[in-house]
């Protein structure tokens, strides 16, 4: 059974330490066949240490939780709070939506969406993260609901969004959904 000891310098809040011990336990269990009940991870605190001839007394800043950042961004987008949503985006941000060219500005997305539906919202079934060296991929999946251009409602349309987050900002968004398949079905039911 794995026992993971983490030593941190001062300056981290309890939520950051909880996130760290939880994720390290998950990482260990992704490599070793160990039950959650048999995996222990804990934090030790150090007041100072020396590395490369320098004495260091505080740790680096924690990264924001990437899943929370993506949820907040999507909430701002759904509310059409573009200035607030832009605060989540890295320079060079790019997004890819089904059937469209890459977009770099939120206004491009709204123009693209105006030809497809009046409004859309998301119901999340899962939000998962995959961690790389300096980048976190956040996967959101669930269903879309909203109103078509003709005023009819839709719901239950599957979607998956993939975000790349680095340095506390979203660098990329890739979107897959079944809206193209759902729209013809809605139109044929009305006929």
C-alpha atoms as a PDB file:
ATOM      1  CA  UNK A   1       0.000   0.000   0.000  1.00  0.00           C
ATOM      2  CA  UNK A   2       1.466   3.377  -0.974  1.00  0.00           C
ATOM      3  CA  UNK A   3       2.339   6.000   1.637  1.00  0.00           C
ATOM      4  CA  UNK A   4       3.107   9.386   0.080  1.00  0.00           C
ATOM      5  CA  UNK A   5       4.818  12.080   2.121  1.00  0.00           C
ATOM      6  CA  UNK A   6       4.815  15.641   0.792  1.00  0.00           C
ATOM      7  CA  UNK A   7       6.900  18.408   2.320  1.00  0.00           C
ATOM      8  CA  UNK A   8       5.721  21.964   1.707  1.00  0.00           C
ATOM      9  CA  UNK A   9       7.040  25.361   2.649  1.00  0.00           C
ATOM     10  CA  UNK A  10       4.666  27.820   4.348  1.00  0.00           C
ATOM     11  CA  UNK A  11       2.040  29.717   2.414  1.00  0.00           C
ATOM     12  CA  UNK A  12      -0.423  27.094   1.166  1.00  0.00           C
ATOM     13  CA  UNK A  13      -4.020  27.140   2.286  1.00  0.00           C
ATOM     14  CA  UNK A  14      -5.863  24.032   3.439  1.00  0.00           C
ATOM     15  CA  UNK A  15      -7.802  23.690   0.159  1.00  0.00           C
ATOM     16  CA  UNK A  16      -4.558  23.609  -1.858  1.00  0.00           C
ATOM     17  CA  UNK A  17      -3.049  20.990   0.442  1.00  0.00           C
ATOM     18  CA  UNK A  18      -6.229  18.886   0.248  1.00  0.00           C
ATOM     19  CA  UNK A  19      -6.177  19.060  -3.554  1.00  0.00           C
ATOM     20  CA  UNK A  20      -2.514  18.036  -3.575  1.00  0.00           C
ATOM     21  CA  UNK A  21      -2.889  14.988  -1.290  1.00  0.00           C
ATOM     22  CA  UNK A  22      -6.042  13.862  -3.138  1.00  0.00           C
ATOM     23  CA  UNK A  23      -4.408  14.125  -6.569  1.00  0.00           C
ATOM     24  CA  UNK A  24      -1.186  12.425  -5.515  1.00  0.00           C
ATOM     25  CA  UNK A  25      -3.199   9.530  -4.099  1.00  0.00           C
ATOM     26  CA  UNK A  26      -5.082   9.270  -7.412  1.00  0.00           C
ATOM     27  CA  UNK A  27      -1.814   9.398  -9.345  1.00  0.00           C
ATOM     28  CA  UNK A  28      -0.349   6.587  -7.230  1.00  0.00           C
ATOM     29  CA  UNK A  29      -3.450   4.420  -7.740  1.00  0.00           C
ATOM     30  CA  UNK A  30      -3.303   5.042 -11.500  1.00  0.00           C
ATOM     31  CA  UNK A  31       0.098   3.286 -11.477  1.00  0.00           C
ATOM     32  CA  UNK A  32      -0.221   0.781  -8.598  1.00  0.00           C
ATOM     33  CA  UNK A  33      -3.166  -1.560  -7.988  1.00  0.00           C
ATOM     34  CA  UNK A  34      -3.966  -0.220  -4.520  1.00  0.00           C
ATOM     35  CA  UNK A  35      -7.376   0.468  -2.980  1.00  0.00           C
ATOM     36  CA  UNK A  36      -8.298   3.991  -1.921  1.00  0.00           C
ATOM     37  CA  UNK A  37      -8.553   2.797   1.691  1.00  0.00           C
ATOM     38  CA  UNK A  38      -4.968   1.540   1.529  1.00  0.00           C
ATOM     39  CA  UNK A  39      -3.452   4.699   0.062  1.00  0.00           C
ATOM     40  CA  UNK A  40      -2.130   7.340   2.436  1.00  0.00           C
ATOM     41  CA  UNK A  41      -0.832  10.744   1.483  1.00  0.00           C
ATOM     42  CA  UNK A  42       0.039  13.477   3.942  1.00  0.00           C
ATOM     43  CA  UNK A  43       1.729  16.870   4.154  1.00  0.00           C
ATOM     44  CA  UNK A  44       4.745  17.765   6.275  1.00  0.00           C
ATOM     45  CA  UNK A  45       5.602  21.411   6.752  1.00  0.00           C
ATOM     46  CA  UNK A  46       9.094  22.871   6.534  1.00  0.00           C
ATOM     47  CA  UNK A  47       9.916  26.438   7.496  1.00  0.00           C
ATOM     48  CA  UNK A  48      12.874  26.765   5.150  1.00  0.00           C
ATOM     49  CA  UNK A  49      15.277  24.849   2.915  1.00  0.00           C
ATOM     50  CA  UNK A  50      18.327  25.396   0.735  1.00  0.00           C
ATOM     51  CA  UNK A  51      18.657  24.612  -2.965  1.00  0.00           C
ATOM     52  CA  UNK A  52      21.298  25.773  -5.426  1.00  0.00           C
ATOM     53  CA  UNK A  53      22.981  27.788  -2.696  1.00  0.00           C
ATOM     54  CA  UNK A  54      19.815  29.776  -1.962  1.00  0.00           C
ATOM     55  CA  UNK A  55      17.734  29.657   1.195  1.00  0.00           C
ATOM     56  CA  UNK A  56      14.034  29.453   0.366  1.00  0.00           C
ATOM     57  CA  UNK A  57      11.279  30.218   2.872  1.00  0.00           C
ATOM     58  CA  UNK A  58       8.042  30.155   0.831  1.00  0.00           C
ATOM     59  CA  UNK A  59       6.657  27.845  -1.802  1.00  0.00           C
ATOM     60  CA  UNK A  60       5.459  28.741  -5.275  1.00  0.00           C
ATOM     61  CA  UNK A  61       1.943  29.921  -5.933  1.00  0.00           C
ATOM     62  CA  UNK A  62      -0.710  27.217  -6.308  1.00  0.00           C
ATOM     63  CA  UNK A  63      -2.383  26.856  -9.683  1.00  0.00           C
ATOM     64  CA  UNK A  64      -6.102  27.524  -9.723  1.00  0.00           C
ATOM     65  CA  UNK A  65      -8.229  24.404  -9.989  1.00  0.00           C
ATOM     66  CA  UNK A  66      -8.517  23.894 -13.758  1.00  0.00           C
ATOM     67  CA  UNK A  67     -11.992  22.316 -13.576  1.00  0.00           C
ATOM     68  CA  UNK A  68     -13.333  25.256 -11.555  1.00  0.00           C
ATOM     69  CA  UNK A  69     -11.748  27.673 -14.012  1.00  0.00           C
ATOM     70  CA  UNK A  70     -13.451  25.927 -16.966  1.00  0.00           C
ATOM     71  CA  UNK A  71     -16.829  25.835 -15.158  1.00  0.00           C
ATOM     72  CA  UNK A  72     -16.561  29.560 -14.445  1.00  0.00           C
ATOM     73  CA  UNK A  73     -15.610  30.322 -18.045  1.00  0.00           C
ATOM     74  CA  UNK A  74     -18.541  28.311 -19.417  1.00  0.00           C
ATOM     75  CA  UNK A  75     -20.953  29.984 -16.983  1.00  0.00           C
ATOM     76  CA  UNK A  76     -19.781  33.419 -18.180  1.00  0.00           C
ATOM     77  CA  UNK A  77     -20.164  32.348 -21.798  1.00  0.00           C
ATOM     78  CA  UNK A  78     -23.680  31.006 -21.238  1.00  0.00           C
ATOM     79  CA  UNK A  79     -24.622  34.298 -19.545  1.00  0.00           C
ATOM     80  CA  UNK A  80     -22.974  36.146 -22.484  1.00  0.00           C
ATOM     81  CA  UNK A  81     -20.655  37.981 -20.079  1.00  0.00           C
ATOM     82  CA  UNK A  82     -17.899  38.208 -22.697  1.00  0.00           C
ATOM     83  CA  UNK A  83     -15.631  40.637 -20.833  1.00  0.00           C
ATOM     84  CA  UNK A  84     -15.656  38.363 -17.774  1.00  0.00           C
ATOM     85  CA  UNK A  85     -15.154  35.262 -19.958  1.00  0.00           C
ATOM     86  CA  UNK A  86     -12.163  36.839 -21.734  1.00  0.00           C
ATOM     87  CA  UNK A  87     -10.335  37.050 -18.391  1.00  0.00           C
ATOM     88  CA  UNK A  88     -10.012  33.244 -18.460  1.00  0.00           C
ATOM     89  CA  UNK A  89      -8.257  33.139 -21.862  1.00  0.00           C
ATOM     90  CA  UNK A  90      -4.538  32.982 -22.582  1.00  0.00           C
ATOM     91  CA  UNK A  91      -2.931  35.014 -25.363  1.00  0.00           C
ATOM     92  CA  UNK A  92      -3.145  32.891 -28.502  1.00  0.00           C
ATOM     93  CA  UNK A  93      -6.344  31.154 -27.332  1.00  0.00           C
ATOM     94  CA  UNK A  94      -8.004  29.064 -30.069  1.00  0.00           C
ATOM     95  CA  UNK A  95     -11.290  27.152 -30.180  1.00  0.00           C
ATOM     96  CA  UNK A  96     -12.629  24.544 -32.588  1.00  0.00           C
ATOM     97  CA  UNK A  97     -16.355  23.809 -32.937  1.00  0.00           C
ATOM     98  CA  UNK A  98     -18.024  21.215 -35.193  1.00  0.00           C
ATOM     99  CA  UNK A  99     -18.042  22.195 -38.836  1.00  0.00           C
ATOM    100  CA  UNK A 100     -16.316  25.502 -38.266  1.00  0.00           C
ATOM    101  CA  UNK A 101     -12.912  27.041 -38.820  1.00  0.00           C
ATOM    102  CA  UNK A 102     -10.689  27.698 -35.805  1.00  0.00           C
ATOM    103  CA  UNK A 103     -11.750  30.808 -33.881  1.00  0.00           C
ATOM    104  CA  UNK A 104      -9.688  33.055 -31.634  1.00  0.00           C
ATOM    105  CA  UNK A 105     -12.267  35.591 -30.447  1.00  0.00           C
ATOM    106  CA  UNK A 106     -15.430  34.970 -28.452  1.00  0.00           C
ATOM    107  CA  UNK A 107     -17.378  37.233 -30.806  1.00  0.00           C
ATOM    108  CA  UNK A 108     -16.548  34.846 -33.662  1.00  0.00           C
ATOM    109  CA  UNK A 109     -18.179  32.037 -31.718  1.00  0.00           C
ATOM    110  CA  UNK A 110     -21.338  34.076 -31.108  1.00  0.00           C
ATOM    111  CA  UNK A 111     -21.559  34.985 -34.807  1.00  0.00           C
ATOM    112  CA  UNK A 112     -21.110  31.316 -35.735  1.00  0.00           C
ATOM    113  CA  UNK A 113     -23.749  30.206 -33.200  1.00  0.00           C
ATOM    114  CA  UNK A 114     -26.359  32.761 -34.392  1.00  0.00           C
ATOM    115  CA  UNK A 115     -26.849  30.712 -37.553  1.00  0.00           C
ATOM    116  CA  UNK A 116     -27.538  27.529 -35.565  1.00  0.00           C
ATOM    117  CA  UNK A 117     -29.661  28.300 -32.474  1.00  0.00           C
ATOM    118  CA  UNK A 118     -31.161  31.110 -30.387  1.00  0.00           C
ATOM    119  CA  UNK A 119     -29.566  29.904 -27.161  1.00  0.00           C
ATOM    120  CA  UNK A 120     -27.848  26.886 -25.690  1.00  0.00           C
ATOM    121  CA  UNK A 121     -26.982  25.626 -22.210  1.00  0.00           C
ATOM    122  CA  UNK A 122     -25.072  22.681 -20.806  1.00  0.00           C
ATOM    123  CA  UNK A 123     -25.930  20.034 -18.245  1.00  0.00           C
ATOM    124  CA  UNK A 124     -22.710  18.430 -17.042  1.00  0.00           C
ATOM    125  CA  UNK A 125     -22.571  14.707 -16.389  1.00  0.00           C
ATOM    126  CA  UNK A 126     -18.800  14.590 -15.831  1.00  0.00           C
ATOM    127  CA  UNK A 127     -15.839  16.897 -15.575  1.00  0.00           C
ATOM    128  CA  UNK A 128     -12.461  15.171 -15.554  1.00  0.00           C
ATOM    129  CA  UNK A 129      -8.859  16.277 -15.661  1.00  0.00           C
ATOM    130  CA  UNK A 130      -5.731  14.852 -17.212  1.00  0.00           C
ATOM    131  CA  UNK A 131      -2.451  16.372 -16.070  1.00  0.00           C
ATOM    132  CA  UNK A 132       0.593  16.895 -18.234  1.00  0.00           C
ATOM    133  CA  UNK A 133       3.827  18.759 -17.702  1.00  0.00           C
ATOM    134  CA  UNK A 134       2.586  22.328 -17.328  1.00  0.00           C
ATOM    135  CA  UNK A 135      -0.804  21.763 -18.974  1.00  0.00           C
ATOM    136  CA  UNK A 136      -4.052  20.349 -17.617  1.00  0.00           C
ATOM    137  CA  UNK A 137      -6.650  18.954 -20.009  1.00  0.00           C
ATOM    138  CA  UNK A 138     -10.200  19.352 -18.697  1.00  0.00           C
ATOM    139  CA  UNK A 139     -12.897  17.186 -20.278  1.00  0.00           C
ATOM    140  CA  UNK A 140     -16.554  18.158 -19.802  1.00  0.00           C
ATOM    141  CA  UNK A 141     -19.326  15.895 -21.028  1.00  0.00           C
ATOM    142  CA  UNK A 142     -23.078  15.933 -20.743  1.00  0.00           C
ATOM    143  CA  UNK A 143     -26.047  17.207 -22.702  1.00  0.00           C
ATOM    144  CA  UNK A 144     -27.045  20.439 -24.379  1.00  0.00           C
ATOM    145  CA  UNK A 145     -30.443  22.102 -24.127  1.00  0.00           C
ATOM    146  CA  UNK A 146     -31.714  25.247 -25.770  1.00  0.00           C
ATOM    147  CA  UNK A 147     -33.856  26.802 -28.461  1.00  0.00           C
ATOM    148  CA  UNK A 148     -33.475  26.344 -32.219  1.00  0.00           C
ATOM    149  CA  UNK A 149     -33.764  29.293 -34.604  1.00  0.00           C
ATOM    150  CA  UNK A 150     -37.433  28.435 -35.277  1.00  0.00           C
ATOM    151  CA  UNK A 151     -38.255  28.783 -31.555  1.00  0.00           C
ATOM    152  CA  UNK A 152     -38.593  25.059 -30.812  1.00  0.00           C
ATOM    153  CA  UNK A 153     -36.793  23.665 -27.780  1.00  0.00           C
ATOM    154  CA  UNK A 154     -34.208  20.930 -27.736  1.00  0.00           C
ATOM    155  CA  UNK A 155     -32.573  18.923 -24.971  1.00  0.00           C
ATOM    156  CA  UNK A 156     -30.538  15.787 -24.424  1.00  0.00           C
ATOM    157  CA  UNK A 157     -27.989  16.522 -27.183  1.00  0.00           C
ATOM    158  CA  UNK A 158     -24.646  14.934 -26.286  1.00  0.00           C
ATOM    159  CA  UNK A 159     -21.479  17.041 -26.047  1.00  0.00           C
ATOM    160  CA  UNK A 160     -17.835  16.755 -25.065  1.00  0.00           C
ATOM    161  CA  UNK A 161     -15.604  19.794 -24.541  1.00  0.00           C
ATOM    162  CA  UNK A 162     -11.845  19.524 -24.091  1.00  0.00           C
ATOM    163  CA  UNK A 163      -9.916  22.456 -22.660  1.00  0.00           C
ATOM    164  CA  UNK A 164      -6.171  22.961 -22.289  1.00  0.00           C
ATOM    165  CA  UNK A 165      -5.320  25.053 -19.238  1.00  0.00           C
ATOM    166  CA  UNK A 166      -1.834  26.347 -18.421  1.00  0.00           C
ATOM    167  CA  UNK A 167      -0.699  29.053 -16.054  1.00  0.00           C
ATOM    168  CA  UNK A 168      -4.265  29.535 -14.836  1.00  0.00           C
ATOM    169  CA  UNK A 169      -5.602  30.395 -18.312  1.00  0.00           C
ATOM    170  CA  UNK A 170      -7.426  28.498 -21.060  1.00  0.00           C
ATOM    171  CA  UNK A 171      -5.239  28.034 -24.138  1.00  0.00           C
ATOM    172  CA  UNK A 172      -7.506  25.871 -26.281  1.00  0.00           C
ATOM    173  CA  UNK A 173     -11.063  24.569 -26.484  1.00  0.00           C
ATOM    174  CA  UNK A 174     -12.199  21.690 -28.693  1.00  0.00           C
ATOM    175  CA  UNK A 175     -15.913  20.880 -28.922  1.00  0.00           C
ATOM    176  CA  UNK A 176     -17.756  17.804 -30.167  1.00  0.00           C
ATOM    177  CA  UNK A 177     -21.540  17.473 -30.097  1.00  0.00           C
ATOM    178  CA  UNK A 178     -24.542  15.937 -31.851  1.00  0.00           C
ATOM    179  CA  UNK A 179     -26.330  19.212 -32.675  1.00  0.00           C
ATOM    180  CA  UNK A 180     -26.015  18.590 -36.421  1.00  0.00           C
ATOM    181  CA  UNK A 181     -27.717  15.207 -36.024  1.00  0.00           C
ATOM    182  CA  UNK A 182     -30.353  16.521 -33.620  1.00  0.00           C
ATOM    183  CA  UNK A 183     -31.469  19.461 -35.759  1.00  0.00           C
ATOM    184  CA  UNK A 184     -32.683  17.450 -38.754  1.00  0.00           C
ATOM    185  CA  UNK A 185     -34.587  15.156 -36.396  1.00  0.00           C
ATOM    186  CA  UNK A 186     -36.311  18.149 -34.792  1.00  0.00           C
ATOM    187  CA  UNK A 187     -37.245  19.503 -38.223  1.00  0.00           C
ATOM    188  CA  UNK A 188     -38.654  16.152 -39.418  1.00  0.00           C
ATOM    189  CA  UNK A 189     -40.821  15.800 -36.290  1.00  0.00           C
ATOM    190  CA  UNK A 190     -42.427  19.189 -36.994  1.00  0.00           C
ATOM    191  CA  UNK A 191     -43.377  18.235 -40.567  1.00  0.00           C
END
